[in-house]
Amino acid sequence: MTTTATDAAQADPPTGERGPVPPALKRFIWDIQSMVELADSEREILLIGRDLMTRLVASDDCLPAVFADASPARGRQFQLYSDGEERFTVVASVLAGGAGLSLDQPGVWEIVGMLRGAAARRLPGGPEGAGALEKGAVEARLSKTGPSAALANALAEDVSIAIHVYGGAIGGMTRRSVSPEGAIGEGEPYANGEATPPYDIFTIQTEIKD
C-alpha cells in the first residue's frame, strides 16, 4: 500500500521534545488540583475553574509548541496533564483550518477556554450553535449536561486551539477528526508521541512562584 505525504502527516506524532512545563500551565494545573481537592461541589469547581481558565488563556505562552502542532485538514487532542488519582485531565484540542473533532465524551464536567482562534460546538457544515468561542472565551459544563457536541474550527484557514479540563480520566473517549468537508474519520487516541508524554505530578511539584 502506498503512503502519501498527507497520510504520514496524519499518522506521525510530533517529533520534538516537550521540554519543561511552562510556568503558566504549571500554576494552572497546581491550582486545578487544589481546587478539585477542596471544592464542596461540582458547581463550585466550575465557578472557580472558570476563573483559573480565564487567566490561563489570557496570554499565549502556556502551551509548548509540540502540543500545538496541527495536522493538515484535521483536528486532534494532546493530553497535557495526567492526574495519578484520575480526578481530572487537562487536554489541548488543536484544529486545522475548517476542521473539527467529534468527541464521544463520558458524563464528566468540563471547562474549556480558547487559547487561539475560535471554535464552535458543531460539526463543520452542520447547524449553527450558540456562536463560536472567541480567543480568551471560557465555557463550563456540568456533568449532567450530557455529552458535548463536536468542536469545529470557526476559521477557514488558521489553526484554533482550545484548552480543556475534564472531570475524570477520559483516555478511553473516542476522538474522530472531522475534515473541512465534513468527513468523519476513524476513532483515534491522543496525539502524544513517545517523546511528548503528558506532564504528571512529578513535573509540577517543584516550587510554584506567583
N, C-alpha and C. Protein backbone atom coordinates (compact mmCIF):
# COMPACT_ATOMS: atom_id res chain seq x y z
N MET A 1 0.85 -1.19 0.00
CA MET A 1 0.00 0.00 0.00
C MET A 1 0.88 1.24 0.00
N THR A 2 0.56 2.23 -0.81
CA THR A 2 1.33 3.46 -0.90
C THR A 2 0.88 4.44 0.17
N THR A 3 1.86 5.03 0.88
CA THR A 3 1.56 6.01 1.91
C THR A 3 1.83 7.39 1.36
N THR A 4 0.84 8.25 1.36
CA THR A 4 1.01 9.61 0.85
C THR A 4 1.59 10.50 1.92
N ALA A 5 2.06 11.68 1.50
CA ALA A 5 2.59 12.64 2.46
C ALA A 5 1.53 13.07 3.45
N THR A 6 0.28 13.18 2.96
CA THR A 6 -0.81 13.57 3.86
C THR A 6 -1.06 12.50 4.90
N ASP A 7 -1.04 11.20 4.47
CA ASP A 7 -1.23 10.11 5.41
C ASP A 7 -0.16 10.13 6.48
N ALA A 8 1.08 10.36 6.08
CA ALA A 8 2.18 10.37 7.04
C ALA A 8 2.02 11.50 8.03
N ALA A 9 1.59 12.66 7.55
CA ALA A 9 1.40 13.79 8.44
C ALA A 9 0.30 13.53 9.44
N GLN A 10 -0.72 12.76 9.00
CA GLN A 10 -1.82 12.46 9.90
C GLN A 10 -1.42 11.42 10.94
N ALA A 11 -0.56 10.49 10.57
CA ALA A 11 -0.26 9.37 11.44
C ALA A 11 0.87 9.66 12.41
N ASP A 12 1.86 10.45 12.00
CA ASP A 12 3.05 10.63 12.81
C ASP A 12 2.84 11.69 13.88
N PRO A 13 3.21 11.39 15.15
CA PRO A 13 3.13 12.40 16.20
C PRO A 13 4.27 13.38 16.06
N PRO A 14 4.21 14.52 16.75
CA PRO A 14 5.30 15.47 16.71
C PRO A 14 6.59 14.81 17.19
N THR A 15 7.72 15.21 16.63
CA THR A 15 8.99 14.58 16.98
C THR A 15 9.79 15.40 17.98
N GLY A 16 9.41 16.65 18.26
CA GLY A 16 10.15 17.48 19.19
C GLY A 16 9.94 17.05 20.63
N GLU A 17 10.83 17.50 21.49
CA GLU A 17 10.68 17.23 22.91
C GLU A 17 9.70 18.23 23.51
N ARG A 18 9.00 17.82 24.55
CA ARG A 18 8.01 18.71 25.16
C ARG A 18 8.67 19.79 25.99
N GLY A 19 9.86 19.52 26.58
CA GLY A 19 10.52 20.49 27.44
C GLY A 19 9.83 20.58 28.80
N PRO A 20 10.33 21.47 29.67
CA PRO A 20 9.70 21.64 30.99
C PRO A 20 8.33 22.27 30.87
N VAL A 21 7.50 22.05 31.86
CA VAL A 21 6.15 22.63 31.83
C VAL A 21 6.25 24.14 31.96
N PRO A 22 5.61 24.90 31.08
CA PRO A 22 5.65 26.37 31.16
C PRO A 22 5.07 26.85 32.49
N PRO A 23 5.60 27.92 33.05
CA PRO A 23 5.14 28.40 34.37
C PRO A 23 3.63 28.62 34.45
N ALA A 24 3.03 29.22 33.42
CA ALA A 24 1.59 29.49 33.47
C ALA A 24 0.78 28.20 33.52
N LEU A 25 1.20 27.19 32.76
CA LEU A 25 0.50 25.90 32.76
C LEU A 25 0.72 25.18 34.08
N LYS A 26 1.92 25.26 34.61
CA LYS A 26 2.21 24.63 35.91
C LYS A 26 1.33 25.22 37.00
N ARG A 27 1.25 26.56 37.02
CA ARG A 27 0.42 27.24 38.01
C ARG A 27 -1.04 26.82 37.88
N PHE A 28 -1.51 26.75 36.65
CA PHE A 28 -2.89 26.37 36.38
C PHE A 28 -3.19 24.95 36.87
N ILE A 29 -2.33 24.01 36.53
CA ILE A 29 -2.54 22.62 36.94
C ILE A 29 -2.51 22.50 38.46
N TRP A 30 -1.57 23.18 39.07
CA TRP A 30 -1.46 23.15 40.53
C TRP A 30 -2.73 23.68 41.18
N ASP A 31 -3.25 24.79 40.66
CA ASP A 31 -4.47 25.38 41.22
C ASP A 31 -5.69 24.51 40.96
N ILE A 32 -5.76 23.88 39.77
CA ILE A 32 -6.88 22.98 39.49
C ILE A 32 -6.85 21.79 40.46
N GLN A 33 -5.68 21.24 40.69
CA GLN A 33 -5.56 20.12 41.62
C GLN A 33 -6.02 20.51 43.01
N SER A 34 -5.59 21.68 43.49
CA SER A 34 -6.00 22.14 44.82
C SER A 34 -7.51 22.36 44.86
N MET A 35 -8.06 22.94 43.78
CA MET A 35 -9.49 23.20 43.73
C MET A 35 -10.29 21.90 43.79
N VAL A 36 -9.88 20.91 43.02
CA VAL A 36 -10.59 19.62 42.99
C VAL A 36 -10.56 18.96 44.37
N GLU A 37 -9.45 19.12 45.07
CA GLU A 37 -9.32 18.52 46.40
C GLU A 37 -10.20 19.22 47.43
N LEU A 38 -10.38 20.54 47.30
CA LEU A 38 -11.01 21.31 48.37
C LEU A 38 -12.46 21.72 48.09
N ALA A 39 -12.88 21.72 46.83
CA ALA A 39 -14.23 22.19 46.50
C ALA A 39 -15.30 21.27 47.07
N ASP A 40 -16.42 21.87 47.47
CA ASP A 40 -17.51 21.10 48.08
C ASP A 40 -18.51 20.56 47.07
N SER A 41 -18.51 21.08 45.87
CA SER A 41 -19.50 20.65 44.88
C SER A 41 -18.96 20.85 43.47
N GLU A 42 -19.63 20.22 42.51
CA GLU A 42 -19.25 20.39 41.12
C GLU A 42 -19.46 21.83 40.67
N ARG A 43 -20.51 22.46 41.13
CA ARG A 43 -20.76 23.85 40.75
C ARG A 43 -19.66 24.77 41.25
N GLU A 44 -19.14 24.48 42.44
CA GLU A 44 -18.03 25.28 42.95
C GLU A 44 -16.77 25.07 42.11
N ILE A 45 -16.55 23.82 41.70
CA ILE A 45 -15.41 23.52 40.82
C ILE A 45 -15.50 24.35 39.54
N LEU A 46 -16.68 24.38 38.93
CA LEU A 46 -16.84 25.11 37.67
C LEU A 46 -16.71 26.61 37.87
N LEU A 47 -17.21 27.12 38.98
CA LEU A 47 -17.14 28.56 39.25
C LEU A 47 -15.69 29.00 39.40
N ILE A 48 -14.93 28.28 40.23
CA ILE A 48 -13.52 28.63 40.44
C ILE A 48 -12.71 28.30 39.19
N GLY A 49 -13.01 27.15 38.59
CA GLY A 49 -12.26 26.71 37.42
C GLY A 49 -12.38 27.67 36.25
N ARG A 50 -13.53 28.30 36.08
CA ARG A 50 -13.70 29.29 35.01
C ARG A 50 -12.71 30.43 35.17
N ASP A 51 -12.55 30.90 36.41
CA ASP A 51 -11.62 32.00 36.66
C ASP A 51 -10.18 31.57 36.38
N LEU A 52 -9.83 30.35 36.79
CA LEU A 52 -8.47 29.86 36.55
C LEU A 52 -8.21 29.73 35.05
N MET A 53 -9.19 29.20 34.31
CA MET A 53 -9.03 29.04 32.87
C MET A 53 -8.95 30.40 32.18
N THR A 54 -9.74 31.36 32.62
CA THR A 54 -9.71 32.70 32.03
C THR A 54 -8.32 33.30 32.13
N ARG A 55 -7.68 33.11 33.28
CA ARG A 55 -6.31 33.61 33.45
C ARG A 55 -5.33 32.88 32.54
N LEU A 56 -5.52 31.58 32.40
CA LEU A 56 -4.59 30.78 31.60
C LEU A 56 -4.61 31.20 30.13
N VAL A 57 -5.80 31.35 29.56
CA VAL A 57 -5.89 31.62 28.12
C VAL A 57 -5.80 33.10 27.78
N ALA A 58 -5.58 33.94 28.80
CA ALA A 58 -5.45 35.37 28.54
C ALA A 58 -4.16 35.70 27.80
N SER A 59 -3.15 34.82 27.93
CA SER A 59 -1.89 35.01 27.20
C SER A 59 -1.59 33.74 26.41
N ASP A 60 -0.59 33.80 25.55
CA ASP A 60 -0.33 32.70 24.63
C ASP A 60 1.02 32.03 24.90
N ASP A 61 1.43 31.99 26.17
CA ASP A 61 2.74 31.44 26.50
C ASP A 61 2.66 30.19 27.37
N CYS A 62 1.47 29.55 27.39
CA CYS A 62 1.28 28.44 28.32
C CYS A 62 1.39 27.07 27.66
N LEU A 63 1.51 27.02 26.34
CA LEU A 63 1.45 25.73 25.65
C LEU A 63 2.75 25.47 24.88
N PRO A 64 3.48 24.40 25.23
CA PRO A 64 4.68 24.05 24.45
C PRO A 64 4.32 23.84 22.98
N ALA A 65 5.22 24.26 22.10
CA ALA A 65 4.94 24.19 20.66
C ALA A 65 4.61 22.78 20.21
N VAL A 66 5.19 21.77 20.83
CA VAL A 66 4.97 20.39 20.41
C VAL A 66 3.52 19.96 20.64
N PHE A 67 2.82 20.62 21.58
CA PHE A 67 1.42 20.31 21.85
C PHE A 67 0.48 21.24 21.08
N ALA A 68 1.02 22.09 20.23
CA ALA A 68 0.21 22.99 19.41
C ALA A 68 0.37 22.67 17.93
N ASP A 69 0.90 21.49 17.64
CA ASP A 69 1.22 21.09 16.27
C ASP A 69 -0.04 20.61 15.56
N ALA A 70 -0.44 21.34 14.53
CA ALA A 70 -1.65 20.99 13.80
C ALA A 70 -1.33 20.03 12.66
N SER A 71 -2.25 19.11 12.40
CA SER A 71 -2.14 18.20 11.28
C SER A 71 -3.04 18.70 10.16
N PRO A 72 -2.58 18.69 8.91
CA PRO A 72 -3.35 19.29 7.81
C PRO A 72 -4.79 18.77 7.73
N ALA A 73 -5.73 19.70 7.68
CA ALA A 73 -7.16 19.40 7.50
C ALA A 73 -7.72 18.47 8.57
N ARG A 74 -7.12 18.49 9.75
CA ARG A 74 -7.56 17.58 10.81
C ARG A 74 -7.66 18.29 12.16
N GLY A 75 -8.36 17.63 13.07
CA GLY A 75 -8.36 18.04 14.46
C GLY A 75 -7.81 16.90 15.29
N ARG A 76 -7.11 17.22 16.36
CA ARG A 76 -6.61 16.17 17.25
C ARG A 76 -6.41 16.74 18.65
N GLN A 77 -6.28 15.83 19.62
CA GLN A 77 -6.12 16.22 21.01
C GLN A 77 -4.80 15.71 21.57
N PHE A 78 -4.15 16.57 22.35
CA PHE A 78 -2.97 16.21 23.12
C PHE A 78 -3.34 16.21 24.60
N GLN A 79 -2.94 15.18 25.33
CA GLN A 79 -3.12 15.19 26.77
C GLN A 79 -1.97 15.97 27.39
N LEU A 80 -2.29 17.03 28.14
CA LEU A 80 -1.27 17.88 28.74
C LEU A 80 -0.91 17.45 30.15
N TYR A 81 -1.89 16.92 30.88
CA TYR A 81 -1.63 16.50 32.27
C TYR A 81 -2.44 15.27 32.60
N SER A 82 -1.78 14.33 33.25
CA SER A 82 -2.43 13.10 33.70
C SER A 82 -2.41 13.05 35.22
N ASP A 83 -3.57 13.15 35.84
CA ASP A 83 -3.68 13.10 37.29
C ASP A 83 -3.61 11.66 37.76
N GLY A 84 -2.69 11.36 38.68
CA GLY A 84 -2.49 9.99 39.15
C GLY A 84 -3.72 9.38 39.80
N GLU A 85 -4.60 10.22 40.35
CA GLU A 85 -5.81 9.73 41.00
C GLU A 85 -7.03 9.82 40.10
N GLU A 86 -6.81 10.19 38.83
CA GLU A 86 -7.86 10.20 37.80
C GLU A 86 -9.03 11.11 38.16
N ARG A 87 -8.74 12.22 38.84
CA ARG A 87 -9.79 13.17 39.21
C ARG A 87 -10.07 14.17 38.10
N PHE A 88 -9.06 14.45 37.27
CA PHE A 88 -9.24 15.41 36.18
C PHE A 88 -8.16 15.17 35.13
N THR A 89 -8.40 15.70 33.94
CA THR A 89 -7.47 15.59 32.82
C THR A 89 -7.41 16.94 32.11
N VAL A 90 -6.20 17.38 31.76
CA VAL A 90 -6.03 18.62 31.02
C VAL A 90 -5.62 18.26 29.60
N VAL A 91 -6.32 18.82 28.62
CA VAL A 91 -6.18 18.42 27.22
C VAL A 91 -6.15 19.67 26.33
N ALA A 92 -5.41 19.60 25.23
CA ALA A 92 -5.45 20.65 24.21
C ALA A 92 -6.06 20.08 22.93
N SER A 93 -7.08 20.75 22.40
CA SER A 93 -7.64 20.41 21.10
C SER A 93 -7.03 21.34 20.06
N VAL A 94 -6.35 20.77 19.07
CA VAL A 94 -5.68 21.55 18.03
C VAL A 94 -6.40 21.28 16.71
N LEU A 95 -6.99 22.33 16.15
CA LEU A 95 -7.86 22.21 14.99
C LEU A 95 -7.27 22.96 13.80
N ALA A 96 -6.98 22.23 12.73
CA ALA A 96 -6.54 22.88 11.50
C ALA A 96 -7.69 23.71 10.93
N GLY A 97 -7.38 24.59 9.98
CA GLY A 97 -8.39 25.47 9.42
C GLY A 97 -9.61 24.72 8.92
N GLY A 98 -10.79 25.08 9.43
CA GLY A 98 -12.05 24.48 9.00
C GLY A 98 -12.34 23.10 9.55
N ALA A 99 -11.36 22.47 10.20
CA ALA A 99 -11.53 21.09 10.69
C ALA A 99 -12.15 21.06 12.07
N GLY A 100 -12.45 19.86 12.53
CA GLY A 100 -13.06 19.73 13.85
C GLY A 100 -12.80 18.38 14.47
N LEU A 101 -13.42 18.17 15.63
CA LEU A 101 -13.33 16.91 16.35
C LEU A 101 -14.72 16.50 16.79
N SER A 102 -15.04 15.24 16.57
CA SER A 102 -16.25 14.65 17.10
C SER A 102 -15.85 13.84 18.33
N LEU A 103 -16.39 14.20 19.49
CA LEU A 103 -15.95 13.61 20.75
C LEU A 103 -17.08 12.86 21.42
N ASP A 104 -16.86 11.59 21.68
CA ASP A 104 -17.81 10.81 22.48
C ASP A 104 -17.37 10.93 23.92
N GLN A 105 -17.90 11.94 24.61
CA GLN A 105 -17.45 12.29 25.95
C GLN A 105 -18.30 11.60 27.01
N PRO A 106 -17.67 11.01 28.02
CA PRO A 106 -18.45 10.45 29.13
C PRO A 106 -19.06 11.57 29.97
N GLY A 107 -19.91 11.20 30.90
CA GLY A 107 -20.61 12.19 31.71
C GLY A 107 -19.74 12.79 32.78
N VAL A 108 -18.84 13.69 32.40
CA VAL A 108 -17.98 14.40 33.35
C VAL A 108 -18.12 15.90 33.12
N TRP A 109 -17.79 16.67 34.14
CA TRP A 109 -17.81 18.13 33.97
C TRP A 109 -16.65 18.55 33.07
N GLU A 110 -16.79 19.72 32.47
CA GLU A 110 -15.77 20.21 31.54
C GLU A 110 -15.66 21.72 31.64
N ILE A 111 -14.43 22.22 31.58
CA ILE A 111 -14.14 23.65 31.45
C ILE A 111 -13.28 23.79 30.20
N VAL A 112 -13.67 24.66 29.28
CA VAL A 112 -12.92 24.84 28.04
C VAL A 112 -12.64 26.32 27.82
N GLY A 113 -11.42 26.64 27.42
CA GLY A 113 -11.05 28.02 27.12
C GLY A 113 -10.34 28.08 25.78
N MET A 114 -10.60 29.13 25.00
CA MET A 114 -9.97 29.28 23.69
C MET A 114 -8.63 30.00 23.83
N LEU A 115 -7.56 29.29 23.52
CA LEU A 115 -6.22 29.86 23.59
C LEU A 115 -5.88 30.62 22.31
N ARG A 116 -6.29 30.07 21.17
CA ARG A 116 -6.03 30.71 19.87
C ARG A 116 -7.23 30.50 18.96
N GLY A 117 -7.49 31.47 18.11
CA GLY A 117 -8.53 31.32 17.11
C GLY A 117 -9.94 31.36 17.68
N ALA A 118 -10.81 30.54 17.13
CA ALA A 118 -12.21 30.48 17.55
C ALA A 118 -12.78 29.12 17.17
N ALA A 119 -13.71 28.62 17.97
CA ALA A 119 -14.31 27.31 17.70
C ALA A 119 -15.77 27.32 18.14
N ALA A 120 -16.56 26.49 17.47
CA ALA A 120 -17.98 26.35 17.79
C ALA A 120 -18.27 24.89 18.10
N ARG A 121 -19.28 24.67 18.93
CA ARG A 121 -19.67 23.30 19.26
C ARG A 121 -20.65 22.78 18.23
N ARG A 122 -20.14 22.48 17.05
CA ARG A 122 -20.96 21.92 15.97
C ARG A 122 -20.02 21.29 14.95
N LEU A 123 -20.54 20.42 14.12
CA LEU A 123 -19.75 19.84 13.04
C LEU A 123 -19.61 20.84 11.90
N PRO A 124 -18.48 20.84 11.20
CA PRO A 124 -18.37 21.69 10.02
C PRO A 124 -19.50 21.40 9.05
N GLY A 125 -20.20 22.44 8.60
CA GLY A 125 -21.31 22.25 7.69
C GLY A 125 -22.62 21.93 8.39
N GLY A 126 -22.58 21.74 9.71
CA GLY A 126 -23.78 21.40 10.45
C GLY A 126 -24.53 22.65 10.90
N PRO A 127 -25.60 22.48 11.69
CA PRO A 127 -26.38 23.64 12.14
C PRO A 127 -25.58 24.53 13.07
N GLU A 128 -25.86 25.81 13.02
CA GLU A 128 -25.18 26.76 13.88
C GLU A 128 -25.56 26.51 15.33
N GLY A 129 -24.57 26.68 16.22
CA GLY A 129 -24.82 26.56 17.64
C GLY A 129 -25.10 27.94 18.22
N ALA A 130 -24.68 28.11 19.47
CA ALA A 130 -24.92 29.38 20.15
C ALA A 130 -23.88 30.43 19.78
N GLY A 131 -23.02 30.13 18.82
CA GLY A 131 -21.98 31.06 18.43
C GLY A 131 -20.62 30.51 18.79
N ALA A 132 -19.60 31.00 18.11
CA ALA A 132 -18.25 30.50 18.33
C ALA A 132 -17.65 31.07 19.60
N LEU A 133 -16.81 30.27 20.24
CA LEU A 133 -15.99 30.75 21.35
C LEU A 133 -14.79 31.46 20.74
N GLU A 134 -14.64 32.73 21.03
CA GLU A 134 -13.51 33.50 20.50
C GLU A 134 -12.31 33.35 21.43
N LYS A 135 -11.15 33.78 20.96
CA LYS A 135 -9.94 33.73 21.77
C LYS A 135 -10.16 34.39 23.13
N GLY A 136 -9.80 33.68 24.20
CA GLY A 136 -9.96 34.18 25.55
C GLY A 136 -11.27 33.81 26.21
N ALA A 137 -12.25 33.32 25.43
CA ALA A 137 -13.55 32.96 25.98
C ALA A 137 -13.47 31.63 26.73
N VAL A 138 -14.31 31.48 27.75
CA VAL A 138 -14.32 30.27 28.59
C VAL A 138 -15.76 29.80 28.75
N GLU A 139 -15.94 28.49 28.71
CA GLU A 139 -17.26 27.88 28.88
C GLU A 139 -17.13 26.71 29.84
N ALA A 140 -18.14 26.50 30.70
CA ALA A 140 -18.13 25.39 31.66
C ALA A 140 -19.42 24.59 31.52
N ARG A 141 -19.30 23.27 31.69
CA ARG A 141 -20.45 22.37 31.53
C ARG A 141 -20.52 21.41 32.70
N LEU A 142 -21.71 21.29 33.30
CA LEU A 142 -21.94 20.31 34.35
C LEU A 142 -21.94 18.90 33.76
N SER A 143 -21.62 17.92 34.58
CA SER A 143 -21.60 16.53 34.09
C SER A 143 -22.97 16.08 33.64
N LYS A 144 -24.02 16.57 34.26
CA LYS A 144 -25.37 16.13 33.91
C LYS A 144 -25.85 16.74 32.60
N THR A 145 -25.05 17.66 32.03
CA THR A 145 -25.42 18.26 30.75
C THR A 145 -25.41 17.22 29.64
N GLY A 146 -24.62 16.16 29.83
CA GLY A 146 -24.53 15.12 28.81
C GLY A 146 -23.33 15.31 27.91
N PRO A 147 -23.19 14.46 26.92
CA PRO A 147 -22.03 14.53 26.01
C PRO A 147 -21.95 15.88 25.30
N SER A 148 -20.73 16.38 25.14
CA SER A 148 -20.56 17.65 24.45
C SER A 148 -20.69 17.43 22.95
N ALA A 149 -21.14 18.47 22.25
CA ALA A 149 -21.22 18.41 20.79
C ALA A 149 -19.82 18.47 20.21
N ALA A 150 -19.72 18.25 18.94
CA ALA A 150 -18.42 18.32 18.27
C ALA A 150 -17.87 19.74 18.35
N LEU A 151 -16.55 19.83 18.33
CA LEU A 151 -15.86 21.10 18.37
C LEU A 151 -15.31 21.38 16.98
N ALA A 152 -15.71 22.50 16.36
CA ALA A 152 -15.30 22.81 14.99
C ALA A 152 -14.56 24.14 14.94
N ASN A 153 -13.48 24.17 14.19
CA ASN A 153 -12.74 25.41 13.98
C ASN A 153 -13.61 26.39 13.21
N ALA A 154 -13.82 27.58 13.77
CA ALA A 154 -14.64 28.58 13.10
C ALA A 154 -13.86 29.35 12.05
N LEU A 155 -12.56 29.12 11.96
CA LEU A 155 -11.70 29.81 10.99
C LEU A 155 -11.38 28.87 9.84
N ALA A 156 -11.46 29.36 8.63
CA ALA A 156 -11.28 28.52 7.46
C ALA A 156 -9.82 28.17 7.20
N GLU A 157 -8.90 29.03 7.60
CA GLU A 157 -7.50 28.81 7.25
C GLU A 157 -6.57 28.72 8.45
N ASP A 158 -6.85 29.44 9.52
CA ASP A 158 -5.94 29.49 10.66
C ASP A 158 -6.24 28.38 11.66
N VAL A 159 -5.21 27.97 12.38
CA VAL A 159 -5.34 26.96 13.43
C VAL A 159 -6.03 27.57 14.65
N SER A 160 -6.92 26.81 15.27
CA SER A 160 -7.54 27.21 16.53
C SER A 160 -7.19 26.16 17.59
N ILE A 161 -6.97 26.62 18.82
CA ILE A 161 -6.59 25.72 19.91
C ILE A 161 -7.44 26.01 21.13
N ALA A 162 -8.04 24.96 21.70
CA ALA A 162 -8.81 25.06 22.94
C ALA A 162 -8.13 24.24 24.02
N ILE A 163 -8.15 24.75 25.24
CA ILE A 163 -7.66 24.02 26.40
C ILE A 163 -8.86 23.54 27.20
N HIS A 164 -8.88 22.25 27.55
CA HIS A 164 -9.99 21.66 28.31
C HIS A 164 -9.49 21.12 29.64
N VAL A 165 -10.35 21.17 30.64
CA VAL A 165 -10.18 20.36 31.85
C VAL A 165 -11.43 19.49 31.96
N TYR A 166 -11.25 18.19 31.94
CA TYR A 166 -12.35 17.24 32.10
C TYR A 166 -12.31 16.66 33.51
N GLY A 167 -13.48 16.43 34.08
CA GLY A 167 -13.57 15.94 35.45
C GLY A 167 -13.41 14.45 35.60
N GLY A 168 -12.33 13.89 35.09
CA GLY A 168 -12.06 12.46 35.22
C GLY A 168 -11.00 12.04 34.23
N ALA A 169 -10.67 10.75 34.26
CA ALA A 169 -9.73 10.19 33.30
C ALA A 169 -10.51 9.83 32.04
N ILE A 170 -10.23 10.47 30.93
CA ILE A 170 -11.03 10.29 29.72
C ILE A 170 -10.20 9.71 28.58
N GLY A 171 -9.18 8.95 28.93
CA GLY A 171 -8.33 8.37 27.90
C GLY A 171 -9.09 7.47 26.94
N GLY A 172 -10.19 6.88 27.40
CA GLY A 172 -10.96 5.99 26.55
C GLY A 172 -12.00 6.70 25.70
N MET A 173 -12.07 8.03 25.79
CA MET A 173 -13.04 8.76 24.99
C MET A 173 -12.70 8.64 23.51
N THR A 174 -13.68 8.42 22.68
CA THR A 174 -13.45 8.28 21.25
C THR A 174 -13.33 9.64 20.59
N ARG A 175 -12.23 9.85 19.87
CA ARG A 175 -11.99 11.09 19.14
C ARG A 175 -12.01 10.79 17.65
N ARG A 176 -12.78 11.55 16.91
CA ARG A 176 -12.84 11.35 15.46
C ARG A 176 -12.61 12.71 14.79
N SER A 177 -11.57 12.78 13.99
CA SER A 177 -11.28 14.01 13.28
C SER A 177 -12.33 14.25 12.21
N VAL A 178 -12.74 15.51 12.06
CA VAL A 178 -13.72 15.89 11.06
C VAL A 178 -13.05 16.86 10.08
N SER A 179 -13.04 16.51 8.81
CA SER A 179 -12.38 17.33 7.80
C SER A 179 -13.23 18.57 7.50
N PRO A 180 -12.65 19.58 6.84
CA PRO A 180 -13.45 20.76 6.46
C PRO A 180 -14.64 20.41 5.57
N GLU A 181 -14.56 19.28 4.86
CA GLU A 181 -15.68 18.85 4.00
C GLU A 181 -16.73 18.08 4.78
N GLY A 182 -16.48 17.81 6.06
CA GLY A 182 -17.45 17.11 6.89
C GLY A 182 -17.23 15.62 7.02
N ALA A 183 -16.19 15.08 6.39
CA ALA A 183 -15.91 13.64 6.50
C ALA A 183 -15.38 13.32 7.90
N ILE A 184 -15.98 12.31 8.53
CA ILE A 184 -15.61 11.92 9.89
C ILE A 184 -14.68 10.72 9.84
N GLY A 185 -13.52 10.86 10.48
CA GLY A 185 -12.52 9.81 10.45
C GLY A 185 -12.76 8.72 11.47
N GLU A 186 -11.83 7.78 11.52
CA GLU A 186 -11.90 6.68 12.49
C GLU A 186 -11.53 7.18 13.88
N GLY A 187 -11.90 6.40 14.91
CA GLY A 187 -11.52 6.74 16.27
C GLY A 187 -10.00 6.71 16.43
N GLU A 188 -9.47 7.61 17.23
CA GLU A 188 -8.03 7.69 17.39
C GLU A 188 -7.68 8.09 18.82
N PRO A 189 -6.49 7.74 19.29
CA PRO A 189 -6.07 8.08 20.65
C PRO A 189 -5.55 9.52 20.71
N TYR A 190 -5.04 9.91 21.89
CA TYR A 190 -4.35 11.18 21.99
C TYR A 190 -3.21 11.22 20.99
N ALA A 191 -2.82 12.42 20.57
CA ALA A 191 -1.77 12.59 19.57
C ALA A 191 -0.37 12.63 20.17
N ASN A 192 -0.24 12.47 21.48
CA ASN A 192 1.08 12.47 22.11
C ASN A 192 1.96 11.37 21.54
N GLY A 193 3.22 11.66 21.34
CA GLY A 193 4.19 10.65 20.93
C GLY A 193 5.02 10.20 22.14
N GLU A 194 5.95 9.28 21.91
CA GLU A 194 6.78 8.77 23.00
C GLU A 194 7.61 9.87 23.64
N ALA A 195 8.04 10.84 22.84
CA ALA A 195 8.85 11.94 23.36
C ALA A 195 8.01 13.07 23.94
N THR A 196 6.68 12.95 23.84
CA THR A 196 5.80 14.02 24.30
C THR A 196 4.69 13.48 25.20
N PRO A 197 5.05 12.78 26.28
CA PRO A 197 4.01 12.30 27.20
C PRO A 197 3.40 13.48 27.94
N PRO A 198 2.22 13.27 28.53
CA PRO A 198 1.64 14.34 29.34
C PRO A 198 2.49 14.60 30.58
N TYR A 199 2.39 15.79 31.12
CA TYR A 199 3.04 16.09 32.39
C TYR A 199 2.32 15.32 33.50
N ASP A 200 3.00 15.17 34.64
CA ASP A 200 2.40 14.49 35.78
C ASP A 200 2.78 15.22 37.05
N ILE A 201 2.42 14.66 38.20
CA ILE A 201 2.63 15.34 39.48
C ILE A 201 4.10 15.63 39.72
N PHE A 202 4.99 14.78 39.22
CA PHE A 202 6.41 14.98 39.46
C PHE A 202 6.96 16.16 38.68
N THR A 203 6.33 16.50 37.57
CA THR A 203 6.80 17.62 36.76
C THR A 203 6.23 18.96 37.22
N ILE A 204 5.21 18.95 38.06
CA ILE A 204 4.66 20.22 38.54
C ILE A 204 4.91 20.42 40.03
N GLN A 205 5.53 19.46 40.68
CA GLN A 205 5.68 19.52 42.14
C GLN A 205 6.92 20.30 42.56
N THR A 206 7.50 21.06 41.65
CA THR A 206 8.60 21.94 42.01
C THR A 206 8.03 23.24 42.55
N GLU A 207 8.88 24.14 42.93
CA GLU A 207 8.43 25.37 43.56
C GLU A 207 7.55 26.18 42.62
N ILE A 208 6.41 26.63 43.13
CA ILE A 208 5.50 27.48 42.37
C ILE A 208 5.69 28.91 42.83
N LYS A 209 5.98 29.81 41.89
CA LYS A 209 6.18 31.22 42.23
C LYS A 209 5.06 32.06 41.66
N ASP A 210 4.50 32.95 42.46
CA ASP A 210 3.44 33.83 41.99
C ASP A 210 4.03 34.94 41.12
